[in-house]
């Protein structure tokens, strides 16, 4: 299962980033909520890479 996650996670991460961009244009967001959600993806990617490759 970890082997497949190497390929699945980047696709899932990009889809989430695209969905957040869509949500930002289609729906009203509270002041700091959108940047927190977007910048929350980056530590998640680092932690996932560490989990997979270390």
Protein backbone atom coordinates (compact mmCIF):
# COMPACT_ATOMS: atom_id res chain seq x y z
CA UNK A 1 0.00 0.00 0.00
CA UNK A 2 2.87 2.40 0.70
CA UNK A 3 4.21 1.75 -2.78
CA UNK A 4 0.98 2.96 -4.38
CA UNK A 5 0.87 5.98 -2.11
CA UNK A 6 4.04 7.31 -3.77
CA UNK A 7 2.00 7.80 -6.93
CA UNK A 8 -1.35 8.57 -5.36
CA UNK A 9 -0.28 11.35 -3.00
CA UNK A 10 1.09 13.86 -5.58
CA UNK A 11 -2.08 13.51 -7.64
CA UNK A 12 -4.25 13.94 -4.56
CA UNK A 13 -2.20 16.98 -3.47
CA UNK A 14 -2.61 18.67 -6.86
CA UNK A 15 -6.33 17.94 -6.93
CA UNK A 16 -6.72 19.48 -3.47
CA UNK A 17 -4.76 22.56 -4.54
CA UNK A 18 -6.98 22.96 -7.61
CA UNK A 19 -10.13 22.50 -5.53
CA UNK A 20 -8.96 25.13 -3.05
CA UNK A 21 -8.35 27.54 -5.92
CA UNK A 22 -11.85 26.83 -7.21
CA UNK A 23 -13.36 27.31 -3.75
CA UNK A 24 -11.54 30.64 -3.43
CA UNK A 25 -13.12 31.94 -6.63
CA UNK A 26 -16.59 30.44 -6.22
CA UNK A 27 -17.31 30.95 -2.51
CA UNK A 28 -16.69 33.72 0.00
CA UNK A 29 -13.93 32.93 2.48
CA UNK A 30 -13.27 34.38 5.91
CA UNK A 31 -10.12 36.55 6.03
CA UNK A 32 -7.29 34.20 6.93
CA UNK A 33 -8.99 30.86 6.29
CA UNK A 34 -7.92 30.39 2.67
CA UNK A 35 -4.19 31.10 3.14
CA UNK A 36 -4.15 28.78 6.14
CA UNK A 37 -5.73 26.00 4.10
CA UNK A 38 -3.38 26.50 1.16
CA UNK A 39 -0.22 26.76 3.26
CA UNK A 40 -1.38 23.77 5.28
CA UNK A 41 -0.87 21.63 2.19
CA UNK A 42 2.88 22.22 2.17
CA UNK A 43 3.72 20.84 5.64
CA UNK A 44 1.41 17.93 4.86
CA UNK A 45 3.45 17.19 1.71
CA UNK A 46 6.72 17.34 3.67
CA UNK A 47 5.39 15.03 6.37
CA UNK A 48 4.02 12.59 3.80
CA UNK A 49 7.35 12.51 1.95
CA UNK A 50 9.16 11.86 5.22
CA UNK A 51 6.72 9.11 6.08
CA UNK A 52 7.17 7.42 2.70
CA UNK A 53 10.90 7.77 2.16
CA UNK A 54 12.48 7.69 5.61
